[in-house]
Amino acid sequence: MEIRSGVGGSEAASFAMELFRMYENFVRYKGGRFEITNIVPCTEDGYREASAFITGKSLFGALRFESGVHRVQRVPKSDTMGRRHTSTVAILILPEPTELDIVIDAKDLKYEVFRASG
């Protein structure tokens, strides 16, 4: 799993940290293991990017549709006028690749060579 803050500055970084903690709590609640591999802080209360290695039974099936851009609209603590700000966070959830034995026969290869003309 990888989470990156997007548009919105420190508010997006704060949203990224909240989502990361939420997914961590969800994985632990489901009995999985949440191993943090990288955190790049942006502010004292936010992450520019964070990644983790998740293991557990059927957790990929529960989280695979979370990939994409998430948007939040809220009034930041620093705004005295009460204006809503929009912030985005990108989430990427990929399965760990398994090792495969691939055999390619020479008869299955086709080589083509082209040269520029004109």
PDB file of N, CA and C in Angstrom:
ATOM      1  N   MET A   1       0.838  -1.167   0.000  1.00  0.00           N
ATOM      2  CA  MET A   1       0.000   0.000   0.000  1.00  0.00           C
ATOM      3  C   MET A   1       0.883   1.230   0.000  1.00  0.00           C
ATOM      4  N   GLU A   2       0.470   2.220  -0.779  1.00  0.00           N
ATOM      5  CA  GLU A   2       1.198   3.483  -0.814  1.00  0.00           C
ATOM      6  C   GLU A   2       0.186   4.614  -0.844  1.00  0.00           C
ATOM      7  N   ILE A   3       0.415   5.627  -0.034  1.00  0.00           N
ATOM      8  CA  ILE A   3      -0.445   6.802   0.028  1.00  0.00           C
ATOM      9  C   ILE A   3       0.420   8.028  -0.197  1.00  0.00           C
ATOM     10  N   ARG A   4      -0.043   8.910  -1.108  1.00  0.00           N
ATOM     11  CA  ARG A   4       0.673  10.158  -1.399  1.00  0.00           C
ATOM     12  C   ARG A   4      -0.299  11.325  -1.317  1.00  0.00           C
ATOM     13  N   SER A   5       0.126  12.377  -0.637  1.00  0.00           N
ATOM     14  CA  SER A   5      -0.732  13.556  -0.576  1.00  0.00           C
ATOM     15  C   SER A   5      -0.680  14.259  -1.931  1.00  0.00           C
ATOM     16  N   GLY A   6      -1.780  14.883  -2.291  1.00  0.00           N
ATOM     17  CA  GLY A   6      -1.885  15.546  -3.588  1.00  0.00           C
ATOM     18  C   GLY A   6      -2.124  17.031  -3.419  1.00  0.00           C
ATOM     19  N   VAL A   7      -3.128  17.531  -4.107  1.00  0.00           N
ATOM     20  CA  VAL A   7      -3.462  18.945  -4.077  1.00  0.00           C
ATOM     21  C   VAL A   7      -4.052  19.286  -2.714  1.00  0.00           C
ATOM     22  N   GLY A   8      -3.600  20.383  -2.148  1.00  0.00           N
ATOM     23  CA  GLY A   8      -4.172  20.815  -0.883  1.00  0.00           C
ATOM     24  C   GLY A   8      -3.147  21.141   0.182  1.00  0.00           C
ATOM     25  N   GLY A   9      -1.874  20.977  -0.116  1.00  0.00           N
ATOM     26  CA  GLY A   9      -0.817  21.361   0.821  1.00  0.00           C
ATOM     27  C   GLY A   9      -0.840  20.595   2.124  1.00  0.00           C
ATOM     28  N   SER A  10      -0.756  21.323   3.231  1.00  0.00           N
ATOM     29  CA  SER A  10      -0.684  20.679   4.543  1.00  0.00           C
ATOM     30  C   SER A  10      -1.992  19.986   4.897  1.00  0.00           C
ATOM     31  N   GLU A  11      -3.107  20.465   4.367  1.00  0.00           N
ATOM     32  CA  GLU A  11      -4.388  19.806   4.623  1.00  0.00           C
ATOM     33  C   GLU A  11      -4.441  18.445   3.936  1.00  0.00           C
ATOM     34  N   ALA A  12      -3.863  18.333   2.736  1.00  0.00           N
ATOM     35  CA  ALA A  12      -3.784  17.043   2.037  1.00  0.00           C
ATOM     36  C   ALA A  12      -2.851  16.098   2.782  1.00  0.00           C
ATOM     37  N   ALA A  13      -1.759  16.624   3.327  1.00  0.00           N
ATOM     38  CA  ALA A  13      -0.830  15.798   4.100  1.00  0.00           C
ATOM     39  C   ALA A  13      -1.502  15.277   5.368  1.00  0.00           C
ATOM     40  N   SER A  14      -2.301  16.106   5.986  1.00  0.00           N
ATOM     41  CA  SER A  14      -3.042  15.680   7.169  1.00  0.00           C
ATOM     42  C   SER A  14      -4.055  14.595   6.811  1.00  0.00           C
ATOM     43  N   PHE A  15      -4.744  14.760   5.686  1.00  0.00           N
ATOM     44  CA  PHE A  15      -5.703  13.760   5.209  1.00  0.00           C
ATOM     45  C   PHE A  15      -4.994  12.446   4.901  1.00  0.00           C
ATOM     46  N   ALA A  16      -3.797  12.511   4.297  1.00  0.00           N
ATOM     47  CA  ALA A  16      -3.025  11.305   3.992  1.00  0.00           C
ATOM     48  C   ALA A  16      -2.657  10.559   5.272  1.00  0.00           C
ATOM     49  N   MET A  17      -2.266  11.287   6.306  1.00  0.00           N
ATOM     50  CA  MET A  17      -1.918  10.655   7.573  1.00  0.00           C
ATOM     51  C   MET A  17      -3.144  10.007   8.216  1.00  0.00           C
ATOM     52  N   GLU A  18      -4.285  10.679   8.165  1.00  0.00           N
ATOM     53  CA  GLU A  18      -5.506  10.113   8.737  1.00  0.00           C
ATOM     54  C   GLU A  18      -5.918   8.838   8.004  1.00  0.00           C
ATOM     55  N   LEU A  19      -5.824   8.844   6.669  1.00  0.00           N
ATOM     56  CA  LEU A  19      -6.160   7.643   5.904  1.00  0.00           C
ATOM     57  C   LEU A  19      -5.196   6.507   6.201  1.00  0.00           C
ATOM     58  N   PHE A  20      -3.904   6.817   6.292  1.00  0.00           N
ATOM     59  CA  PHE A  20      -2.902   5.791   6.576  1.00  0.00           C
ATOM     60  C   PHE A  20      -3.177   5.131   7.918  1.00  0.00           C
ATOM     61  N   ARG A  21      -3.477   5.929   8.936  1.00  0.00           N
ATOM     62  CA  ARG A  21      -3.793   5.387  10.265  1.00  0.00           C
ATOM     63  C   ARG A  21      -5.098   4.584  10.236  1.00  0.00           C
ATOM     64  N   MET A  22      -6.069   5.053   9.438  1.00  0.00           N
ATOM     65  CA  MET A  22      -7.332   4.340   9.336  1.00  0.00           C
ATOM     66  C   MET A  22      -7.126   2.963   8.730  1.00  0.00           C
ATOM     67  N   TYR A  23      -6.345   2.881   7.640  1.00  0.00           N
ATOM     68  CA  TYR A  23      -6.072   1.586   7.018  1.00  0.00           C
ATOM     69  C   TYR A  23      -5.263   0.686   7.948  1.00  0.00           C
ATOM     70  N   GLU A  24      -4.345   1.272   8.700  1.00  0.00           N
ATOM     71  CA  GLU A  24      -3.573   0.490   9.670  1.00  0.00           C
ATOM     72  C   GLU A  24      -4.502  -0.132  10.712  1.00  0.00           C
ATOM     73  N   ASN A  25      -5.423   0.655  11.232  1.00  0.00           N
ATOM     74  CA  ASN A  25      -6.369   0.138  12.226  1.00  0.00           C
ATOM     75  C   ASN A  25      -7.287  -0.911  11.621  1.00  0.00           C
ATOM     76  N   PHE A  26      -7.698  -0.723  10.379  1.00  0.00           N
ATOM     77  CA  PHE A  26      -8.564  -1.698   9.707  1.00  0.00           C
ATOM     78  C   PHE A  26      -7.851  -3.035   9.536  1.00  0.00           C
ATOM     79  N   VAL A  27      -6.594  -2.986   9.090  1.00  0.00           N
ATOM     80  CA  VAL A  27      -5.822  -4.223   8.884  1.00  0.00           C
ATOM     81  C   VAL A  27      -5.624  -4.955  10.203  1.00  0.00           C
ATOM     82  N   ARG A  28      -5.280  -4.227  11.251  1.00  0.00           N
ATOM     83  CA  ARG A  28      -5.093  -4.862  12.556  1.00  0.00           C
ATOM     84  C   ARG A  28      -6.409  -5.418  13.103  1.00  0.00           C
ATOM     85  N   TYR A  29      -7.523  -4.730  12.852  1.00  0.00           N
ATOM     86  CA  TYR A  29      -8.832  -5.204  13.284  1.00  0.00           C
ATOM     87  C   TYR A  29      -9.191  -6.522  12.591  1.00  0.00           C
ATOM     88  N   LYS A  30      -8.812  -6.643  11.308  1.00  0.00           N
ATOM     89  CA  LYS A  30      -9.091  -7.857  10.542  1.00  0.00           C
ATOM     90  C   LYS A  30      -8.097  -8.978  10.845  1.00  0.00           C
ATOM     91  N   GLY A  31      -7.126  -8.727  11.724  1.00  0.00           N
ATOM     92  CA  GLY A  31      -6.166  -9.760  12.114  1.00  0.00           C
ATOM     93  C   GLY A  31      -4.951  -9.836  11.219  1.00  0.00           C
ATOM     94  N   GLY A  32      -4.738  -8.828  10.391  1.00  0.00           N
ATOM     95  CA  GLY A  32      -3.591  -8.822   9.487  1.00  0.00           C
ATOM     96  C   GLY A  32      -2.390  -8.139  10.106  1.00  0.00           C
ATOM     97  N   ARG A  33      -1.312  -8.130   9.342  1.00  0.00           N
ATOM     98  CA  ARG A  33      -0.064  -7.492   9.779  1.00  0.00           C
ATOM     99  C   ARG A  33       0.183  -6.267   8.915  1.00  0.00           C
ATOM    100  N   PHE A  34       0.457  -5.143   9.536  1.00  0.00           N
ATOM    101  CA  PHE A  34       0.675  -3.868   8.863  1.00  0.00           C
ATOM    102  C   PHE A  34       2.095  -3.429   9.181  1.00  0.00           C
ATOM    103  N   GLU A  35       2.979  -3.592   8.212  1.00  0.00           N
ATOM    104  CA  GLU A  35       4.400  -3.295   8.419  1.00  0.00           C
ATOM    105  C   GLU A  35       4.756  -2.023   7.653  1.00  0.00           C
ATOM    106  N   ILE A  36       5.018  -0.948   8.374  1.00  0.00           N
ATOM    107  CA  ILE A  36       5.328   0.345   7.754  1.00  0.00           C
ATOM    108  C   ILE A  36       6.725   0.270   7.140  1.00  0.00           C
ATOM    109  N   THR A  37       6.816   0.603   5.846  1.00  0.00           N
ATOM    110  CA  THR A  37       8.101   0.538   5.157  1.00  0.00           C
ATOM    111  C   THR A  37       8.714   1.917   4.917  1.00  0.00           C
ATOM    112  N   ASN A  38       7.873   2.955   4.795  1.00  0.00           N
ATOM    113  CA  ASN A  38       8.411   4.279   4.504  1.00  0.00           C
ATOM    114  C   ASN A  38       7.391   5.339   4.897  1.00  0.00           C
ATOM    115  N   ILE A  39       7.871   6.393   5.556  1.00  0.00           N
ATOM    116  CA  ILE A  39       7.036   7.558   5.848  1.00  0.00           C
ATOM    117  C   ILE A  39       7.874   8.800   5.592  1.00  0.00           C
ATOM    118  N   VAL A  40       7.340   9.701   4.766  1.00  0.00           N
ATOM    119  CA  VAL A  40       7.987  10.987   4.513  1.00  0.00           C
ATOM    120  C   VAL A  40       7.059  12.063   5.070  1.00  0.00           C
ATOM    121  N   PRO A  41       7.414  12.658   6.206  1.00  0.00           N
ATOM    122  CA  PRO A  41       6.533  13.663   6.801  1.00  0.00           C
ATOM    123  C   PRO A  41       6.556  14.970   6.017  1.00  0.00           C
ATOM    124  N   CYS A  42       5.438  15.658   6.023  1.00  0.00           N
ATOM    125  CA  CYS A  42       5.333  16.965   5.358  1.00  0.00           C
ATOM    126  C   CYS A  42       5.280  18.072   6.411  1.00  0.00           C
ATOM    127  N   THR A  43       4.416  17.885   7.379  1.00  0.00           N
ATOM    128  CA  THR A  43       4.290  18.818   8.495  1.00  0.00           C
ATOM    129  C   THR A  43       4.275  18.006   9.777  1.00  0.00           C
ATOM    130  N   GLU A  44       4.056  18.678  10.896  1.00  0.00           N
ATOM    131  CA  GLU A  44       4.032  17.947  12.164  1.00  0.00           C
ATOM    132  C   GLU A  44       2.816  17.028  12.266  1.00  0.00           C
ATOM    133  N   ASP A  45       1.783  17.285  11.481  1.00  0.00           N
ATOM    134  CA  ASP A  45       0.594  16.441  11.545  1.00  0.00           C
ATOM    135  C   ASP A  45       0.173  15.943  10.163  1.00  0.00           C
ATOM    136  N   GLY A  46       1.154  15.545   9.345  1.00  0.00           N
ATOM    137  CA  GLY A  46       0.807  15.051   8.021  1.00  0.00           C
ATOM    138  C   GLY A  46       1.942  14.319   7.344  1.00  0.00           C
ATOM    139  N   TYR A  47       1.580  13.517   6.338  1.00  0.00           N
ATOM    140  CA  TYR A  47       2.552  12.738   5.563  1.00  0.00           C
ATOM    141  C   TYR A  47       2.532  13.184   4.109  1.00  0.00           C
ATOM    142  N   ARG A  48       3.698  13.394   3.540  1.00  0.00           N
ATOM    143  CA  ARG A  48       3.787  13.647   2.109  1.00  0.00           C
ATOM    144  C   ARG A  48       3.561  12.328   1.367  1.00  0.00           C
ATOM    145  N   GLU A  49       4.172  11.261   1.878  1.00  0.00           N
ATOM    146  CA  GLU A  49       3.924   9.916   1.351  1.00  0.00           C
ATOM    147  C   GLU A  49       4.202   8.905   2.450  1.00  0.00           C
ATOM    148  N   ALA A  50       3.505   7.776   2.357  1.00  0.00           N
ATOM    149  CA  ALA A  50       3.673   6.702   3.326  1.00  0.00           C
ATOM    150  C   ALA A  50       3.372   5.384   2.629  1.00  0.00           C
ATOM    151  N   SER A  51       4.119   4.349   2.988  1.00  0.00           N
ATOM    152  CA  SER A  51       3.877   3.039   2.390  1.00  0.00           C
ATOM    153  C   SER A  51       3.996   1.964   3.459  1.00  0.00           C
ATOM    154  N   ALA A  52       3.300   0.864   3.207  1.00  0.00           N
ATOM    155  CA  ALA A  52       3.285  -0.238   4.160  1.00  0.00           C
ATOM    156  C   ALA A  52       3.121  -1.548   3.415  1.00  0.00           C
ATOM    157  N   PHE A  53       3.594  -2.606   4.042  1.00  0.00           N
ATOM    158  CA  PHE A  53       3.453  -3.968   3.531  1.00  0.00           C
ATOM    159  C   PHE A  53       2.365  -4.633   4.364  1.00  0.00           C
ATOM    160  N   ILE A  54       1.306  -5.103   3.699  1.00  0.00           N
ATOM    161  CA  ILE A  54       0.156  -5.669   4.393  1.00  0.00           C
ATOM    162  C   ILE A  54       0.065  -7.154   4.101  1.00  0.00           C
ATOM    163  N   THR A  55      -0.074  -7.958   5.157  1.00  0.00           N
ATOM    164  CA  THR A  55      -0.292  -9.393   4.989  1.00  0.00           C
ATOM    165  C   THR A  55      -1.478  -9.802   5.842  1.00  0.00           C
ATOM    166  N   GLY A  56      -2.216 -10.744   5.328  1.00  0.00           N
ATOM    167  CA  GLY A  56      -3.370 -11.251   6.067  1.00  0.00           C
ATOM    168  C   GLY A  56      -4.348 -11.905   5.111  1.00  0.00           C
ATOM    169  N   LYS A  57      -5.192 -12.732   5.666  1.00  0.00           N
ATOM    170  CA  LYS A  57      -6.139 -13.486   4.872  1.00  0.00           C
ATOM    171  C   LYS A  57      -7.213 -12.567   4.290  1.00  0.00           C
ATOM    172  N   SER A  58      -7.375 -12.598   2.994  1.00  0.00           N
ATOM    173  CA  SER A  58      -8.384 -11.867   2.210  1.00  0.00           C
ATOM    174  C   SER A  58      -8.341 -10.352   2.385  1.00  0.00           C
ATOM    175  N   LEU A  59      -7.211  -9.783   2.802  1.00  0.00           N
ATOM    176  CA  LEU A  59      -7.125  -8.337   2.951  1.00  0.00           C
ATOM    177  C   LEU A  59      -6.993  -7.630   1.606  1.00  0.00           C
ATOM    178  N   PHE A  60      -6.327  -8.260   0.642  1.00  0.00           N
ATOM    179  CA  PHE A  60      -6.233  -7.627  -0.671  1.00  0.00           C
ATOM    180  C   PHE A  60      -7.620  -7.499  -1.289  1.00  0.00           C
ATOM    181  N   GLY A  61      -8.438  -8.508  -1.132  1.00  0.00           N
ATOM    182  CA  GLY A  61      -9.800  -8.445  -1.660  1.00  0.00           C
ATOM    183  C   GLY A  61     -10.618  -7.339  -1.012  1.00  0.00           C
ATOM    184  N   ALA A  62     -10.354  -7.057   0.254  1.00  0.00           N
ATOM    185  CA  ALA A  62     -11.085  -6.008   0.962  1.00  0.00           C
ATOM    186  C   ALA A  62     -10.575  -4.616   0.621  1.00  0.00           C
ATOM    187  N   LEU A  63      -9.306  -4.507   0.234  1.00  0.00           N
ATOM    188  CA  LEU A  63      -8.699  -3.189   0.005  1.00  0.00           C
ATOM    189  C   LEU A  63      -8.456  -2.840  -1.457  1.00  0.00           C
ATOM    190  N   ARG A  64      -8.611  -3.785  -2.365  1.00  0.00           N
ATOM    191  CA  ARG A  64      -8.178  -3.525  -3.747  1.00  0.00           C
ATOM    192  C   ARG A  64      -8.951  -2.408  -4.428  1.00  0.00           C
ATOM    193  N   PHE A  65     -10.193  -2.179  -4.035  1.00  0.00           N
ATOM    194  CA  PHE A  65     -10.969  -1.117  -4.668  1.00  0.00           C
ATOM    195  C   PHE A  65     -10.737   0.248  -4.019  1.00  0.00           C
ATOM    196  N   GLU A  66      -9.859   0.316  -3.043  1.00  0.00           N
ATOM    197  CA  GLU A  66      -9.515   1.585  -2.414  1.00  0.00           C
ATOM    198  C   GLU A  66      -8.496   2.368  -3.240  1.00  0.00           C
ATOM    199  N   SER A  67      -7.877   1.724  -4.224  1.00  0.00           N
ATOM    200  CA  SER A  67      -6.889   2.410  -5.063  1.00  0.00           C
ATOM    201  C   SER A  67      -7.557   3.534  -5.842  1.00  0.00           C
ATOM    202  N   GLY A  68      -6.845   4.636  -5.951  1.00  0.00           N
ATOM    203  CA  GLY A  68      -7.349   5.777  -6.707  1.00  0.00           C
ATOM    204  C   GLY A  68      -7.139   7.066  -5.941  1.00  0.00           C
ATOM    205  N   VAL A  69      -7.797   8.105  -6.415  1.00  0.00           N
ATOM    206  CA  VAL A  69      -7.680   9.420  -5.789  1.00  0.00           C
ATOM    207  C   VAL A  69      -8.881   9.632  -4.880  1.00  0.00           C
ATOM    208  N   HIS A  70      -8.596  10.015  -3.645  1.00  0.00           N
ATOM    209  CA  HIS A  70      -9.639  10.307  -2.672  1.00  0.00           C
ATOM    210  C   HIS A  70      -9.649  11.809  -2.415  1.00  0.00           C
ATOM    211  N   ARG A  71     -10.838  12.354  -2.250  1.00  0.00           N
ATOM    212  CA  ARG A  71     -10.986  13.801  -2.082  1.00  0.00           C
ATOM    213  C   ARG A  71     -11.727  14.089  -0.788  1.00  0.00           C
ATOM    214  N   VAL A  72     -11.318  15.150  -0.111  1.00  0.00           N
ATOM    215  CA  VAL A  72     -12.002  15.580   1.108  1.00  0.00           C
ATOM    216  C   VAL A  72     -12.231  17.087   1.016  1.00  0.00           C
ATOM    217  N   GLN A  73     -13.385  17.505   1.499  1.00  0.00           N
ATOM    218  CA  GLN A  73     -13.681  18.931   1.595  1.00  0.00           C
ATOM    219  C   GLN A  73     -13.987  19.228   3.059  1.00  0.00           C
ATOM    220  N   ARG A  74     -13.207  20.119   3.641  1.00  0.00           N
ATOM    221  CA  ARG A  74     -13.431  20.476   5.035  1.00  0.00           C
ATOM    222  C   ARG A  74     -12.812  21.837   5.328  1.00  0.00           C
ATOM    223  N   VAL A  75     -13.183  22.388   6.455  1.00  0.00           N
ATOM    224  CA  VAL A  75     -12.651  23.676   6.885  1.00  0.00           C
ATOM    225  C   VAL A  75     -11.382  23.407   7.692  1.00  0.00           C
ATOM    226  N   PRO A  76     -10.228  23.887   7.205  1.00  0.00           N
ATOM    227  CA  PRO A  76      -8.985  23.669   7.956  1.00  0.00           C
ATOM    228  C   PRO A  76      -8.981  24.420   9.285  1.00  0.00           C
ATOM    229  N   LYS A  77      -8.171  23.921  10.211  1.00  0.00           N
ATOM    230  CA  LYS A  77      -8.050  24.562  11.523  1.00  0.00           C
ATOM    231  C   LYS A  77      -7.502  25.982  11.396  1.00  0.00           C
ATOM    232  N   SER A  78      -6.669  26.210  10.372  1.00  0.00           N
ATOM    233  CA  SER A  78      -6.007  27.505  10.217  1.00  0.00           C
ATOM    234  C   SER A  78      -6.891  28.555   9.542  1.00  0.00           C
ATOM    235  N   ASP A  79      -8.046  28.179   8.992  1.00  0.00           N
ATOM    236  CA  ASP A  79      -8.896  29.124   8.279  1.00  0.00           C
ATOM    237  C   ASP A  79      -9.872  29.769   9.256  1.00  0.00           C
ATOM    238  N   THR A  80      -9.776  31.098   9.379  1.00  0.00           N
ATOM    239  CA  THR A  80     -10.644  31.816  10.310  1.00  0.00           C
ATOM    240  C   THR A  80     -11.959  32.241   9.669  1.00  0.00           C
ATOM    241  N   MET A  81     -12.042  32.182   8.342  1.00  0.00           N
ATOM    242  CA  MET A  81     -13.243  32.634   7.631  1.00  0.00           C
ATOM    243  C   MET A  81     -14.274  31.522   7.459  1.00  0.00           C
ATOM    244  N   GLY A  82     -13.905  30.279   7.735  1.00  0.00           N
ATOM    245  CA  GLY A  82     -14.847  29.176   7.605  1.00  0.00           C
ATOM    246  C   GLY A  82     -15.012  28.654   6.194  1.00  0.00           C
ATOM    247  N   ARG A  83     -14.039  28.896   5.324  1.00  0.00           N
ATOM    248  CA  ARG A  83     -14.122  28.426   3.941  1.00  0.00           C
ATOM    249  C   ARG A  83     -13.725  26.958   3.857  1.00  0.00           C
ATOM    250  N   ARG A  84     -14.430  26.222   3.001  1.00  0.00           N
ATOM    251  CA  ARG A  84     -14.084  24.817   2.780  1.00  0.00           C
ATOM    252  C   ARG A  84     -12.955  24.715   1.767  1.00  0.00           C
ATOM    253  N   HIS A  85     -12.008  23.849   2.048  1.00  0.00           N
ATOM    254  CA  HIS A  85     -10.903  23.594   1.140  1.00  0.00           C
ATOM    255  C   HIS A  85     -11.014  22.160   0.640  1.00  0.00           C
ATOM    256  N   THR A  86     -10.604  21.939  -0.600  1.00  0.00           N
ATOM    257  CA  THR A  86     -10.613  20.599  -1.185  1.00  0.00           C
ATOM    258  C   THR A  86      -9.186  20.083  -1.240  1.00  0.00           C
ATOM    259  N   SER A  87      -8.982  18.879  -0.740  1.00  0.00           N
ATOM    260  CA  SER A  87      -7.665  18.243  -0.746  1.00  0.00           C
ATOM    261  C   SER A  87      -7.800  16.851  -1.335  1.00  0.00           C
ATOM    262  N   THR A  88      -6.718  16.365  -1.940  1.00  0.00           N
ATOM    263  CA  THR A  88      -6.740  15.036  -2.541  1.00  0.00           C
ATOM    264  C   THR A  88      -5.570  14.201  -2.049  1.00  0.00           C
ATOM    265  N   VAL A  89      -5.777  12.890  -2.097  1.00  0.00           N
ATOM    266  CA  VAL A  89      -4.761  11.909  -1.721  1.00  0.00           C
ATOM    267  C   VAL A  89      -4.847  10.767  -2.718  1.00  0.00           C
ATOM    268  N   ALA A  90      -3.693  10.286  -3.189  1.00  0.00           N
ATOM    269  CA  ALA A  90      -3.653   9.135  -4.098  1.00  0.00           C
ATOM    270  C   ALA A  90      -3.285   7.887  -3.303  1.00  0.00           C
ATOM    271  N   ILE A  91      -4.040   6.816  -3.524  1.00  0.00           N
ATOM    272  CA  ILE A  91      -3.808   5.555  -2.833  1.00  0.00           C
ATOM    273  C   ILE A  91      -3.544   4.475  -3.868  1.00  0.00           C
ATOM    274  N   LEU A  92      -2.517   3.689  -3.623  1.00  0.00           N
ATOM    275  CA  LEU A  92      -2.156   2.591  -4.514  1.00  0.00           C
ATOM    276  C   LEU A  92      -2.037   1.321  -3.694  1.00  0.00           C
ATOM    277  N   ILE A  93      -2.805   0.308  -4.076  1.00  0.00           N
ATOM    278  CA  ILE A  93      -2.760  -0.981  -3.391  1.00  0.00           C
ATOM    279  C   ILE A  93      -2.503  -2.053  -4.440  1.00  0.00           C
ATOM    280  N   LEU A  94      -1.360  -2.717  -4.327  1.00  0.00           N
ATOM    281  CA  LEU A  94      -0.964  -3.740  -5.295  1.00  0.00           C
ATOM    282  C   LEU A  94      -0.662  -5.051  -4.588  1.00  0.00           C
ATOM    283  N   PRO A  95      -0.981  -6.176  -5.231  1.00  0.00           N
ATOM    284  CA  PRO A  95      -0.605  -7.466  -4.628  1.00  0.00           C
ATOM    285  C   PRO A  95       0.887  -7.711  -4.806  1.00  0.00           C
ATOM    286  N   GLU A  96       1.442  -8.486  -3.911  1.00  0.00           N
ATOM    287  CA  GLU A  96       2.852  -8.842  -4.042  1.00  0.00           C
ATOM    288  C   GLU A  96       2.989  -9.855  -5.174  1.00  0.00           C
ATOM    289  N   PRO A  97       3.890  -9.607  -6.117  1.00  0.00           N
ATOM    290  CA  PRO A  97       4.034 -10.551  -7.229  1.00  0.00           C
ATOM    291  C   PRO A  97       4.624 -11.874  -6.755  1.00  0.00           C
ATOM    292  N   THR A  98       4.152 -12.933  -7.341  1.00  0.00           N
ATOM    293  CA  THR A  98       4.705 -14.250  -7.037  1.00  0.00           C
ATOM    294  C   THR A  98       5.693 -14.627  -8.130  1.00  0.00           C
ATOM    295  N   GLU A  99       6.627 -15.465  -7.793  1.00  0.00           N
ATOM    296  CA  GLU A  99       7.646 -15.867  -8.741  1.00  0.00           C
ATOM    297  C   GLU A  99       7.063 -16.885  -9.715  1.00  0.00           C
ATOM    298  N   LEU A 100       7.281 -16.640 -11.000  1.00  0.00           N
ATOM    299  CA  LEU A 100       6.780 -17.522 -12.047  1.00  0.00           C
ATOM    300  C   LEU A 100       7.932 -18.062 -12.872  1.00  0.00           C
ATOM    301  N   ASP A 101       7.794 -19.286 -13.329  1.00  0.00           N
ATOM    302  CA  ASP A 101       8.761 -19.854 -14.267  1.00  0.00           C
ATOM    303  C   ASP A 101       8.190 -19.699 -15.666  1.00  0.00           C
ATOM    304  N   ILE A 102       8.804 -18.836 -16.458  1.00  0.00           N
ATOM    305  CA  ILE A 102       8.336 -18.573 -17.813  1.00  0.00           C
ATOM    306  C   ILE A 102       9.369 -19.115 -18.787  1.00  0.00           C
ATOM    307  N   VAL A 103       8.898 -19.908 -19.737  1.00  0.00           N
ATOM    308  CA  VAL A 103       9.766 -20.470 -20.757  1.00  0.00           C
ATOM    309  C   VAL A 103       9.294 -19.946 -22.112  1.00  0.00           C
ATOM    310  N   ILE A 104      10.202 -19.304 -22.833  1.00  0.00           N
ATOM    311  CA  ILE A 104       9.886 -18.781 -24.168  1.00  0.00           C
ATOM    312  C   ILE A 104      10.729 -19.549 -25.170  1.00  0.00           C
ATOM    313  N   ASP A 105      10.048 -20.221 -26.095  1.00  0.00           N
ATOM    314  CA  ASP A 105      10.746 -20.963 -27.139  1.00  0.00           C
ATOM    315  C   ASP A 105      11.271 -20.000 -28.195  1.00  0.00           C
ATOM    316  N   ALA A 106      12.389 -20.349 -28.800  1.00  0.00           N
ATOM    317  CA  ALA A 106      12.983 -19.517 -29.844  1.00  0.00           C
ATOM    318  C   ALA A 106      12.061 -19.401 -31.053  1.00  0.00           C
ATOM    319  N   LYS A 107      11.262 -20.421 -31.322  1.00  0.00           N
ATOM    320  CA  LYS A 107      10.360 -20.368 -32.478  1.00  0.00           C
ATOM    321  C   LYS A 107       9.213 -19.377 -32.258  1.00  0.00           C
ATOM    322  N   ASP A 108       8.969 -18.971 -31.017  1.00  0.00           N
ATOM    323  CA  ASP A 108       7.908 -18.014 -30.724  1.00  0.00           C
ATOM    324  C   ASP A 108       8.371 -16.563 -30.862  1.00  0.00           C
ATOM    325  N   LEU A 109       9.660 -16.341 -31.053  1.00  0.00           N
ATOM    326  CA  LEU A 109      10.192 -14.988 -31.184  1.00  0.00           C
ATOM    327  C   LEU A 109      10.176 -14.542 -32.639  1.00  0.00           C
ATOM    328  N   LYS A 110       9.892 -13.283 -32.839  1.00  0.00           N
ATOM    329  CA  LYS A 110       9.881 -12.712 -34.186  1.00  0.00           C
ATOM    330  C   LYS A 110      10.654 -11.394 -34.128  1.00  0.00           C
ATOM    331  N   TYR A 111      11.662 -11.275 -34.963  1.00  0.00           N
ATOM    332  CA  TYR A 111      12.484 -10.081 -35.003  1.00  0.00           C
ATOM    333  C   TYR A 111      12.133  -9.301 -36.262  1.00  0.00           C
ATOM    334  N   GLU A 112      11.912  -8.004 -36.112  1.00  0.00           N
ATOM    335  CA  GLU A 112      11.660  -7.130 -37.236  1.00  0.00           C
ATOM    336  C   GLU A 112      12.589  -5.948 -37.133  1.00  0.00           C
ATOM    337  N   VAL A 113      13.193  -5.562 -38.238  1.00  0.00           N
ATOM    338  CA  VAL A 113      14.103  -4.430 -38.269  1.00  0.00           C
ATOM    339  C   VAL A 113      13.599  -3.446 -39.315  1.00  0.00           C
ATOM    340  N   PHE A 114      13.449  -2.191 -38.917  1.00  0.00           N
ATOM    341  CA  PHE A 114      12.978  -1.156 -39.820  1.00  0.00           C
ATOM    342  C   PHE A 114      14.018  -0.044 -39.868  1.00  0.00           C
ATOM    343  N   ARG A 115      14.106   0.598 -41.002  1.00  0.00           N
ATOM    344  CA  ARG A 115      15.000   1.731 -41.154  1.00  0.00           C
ATOM    345  C   ARG A 115      14.185   2.922 -41.668  1.00  0.00           C
ATOM    346  N   ALA A 116      14.636   4.081 -41.291  1.00  0.00           N
ATOM    347  CA  ALA A 116      13.939   5.287 -41.716  1.00  0.00           C
ATOM    348  C   ALA A 116      14.155   5.512 -43.204  1.00  0.00           C
ATOM    349  N   SER A 117      13.141   5.987 -43.875  1.00  0.00           N
ATOM    350  CA  SER A 117      13.277   6.291 -45.308  1.00  0.00           C
ATOM    351  C   SER A 117      12.819   7.717 -45.533  1.00  0.00           C
ATOM    352  N   GLY A 118      13.647   8.466 -46.259  1.00  0.00           N
ATOM    353  CA  GLY A 118      13.259   9.809 -46.615  1.00  0.00           C
ATOM    354  C   GLY A 118      13.678  10.772 -45.613  1.00  0.00           C
TER     355      GLY A 118
END
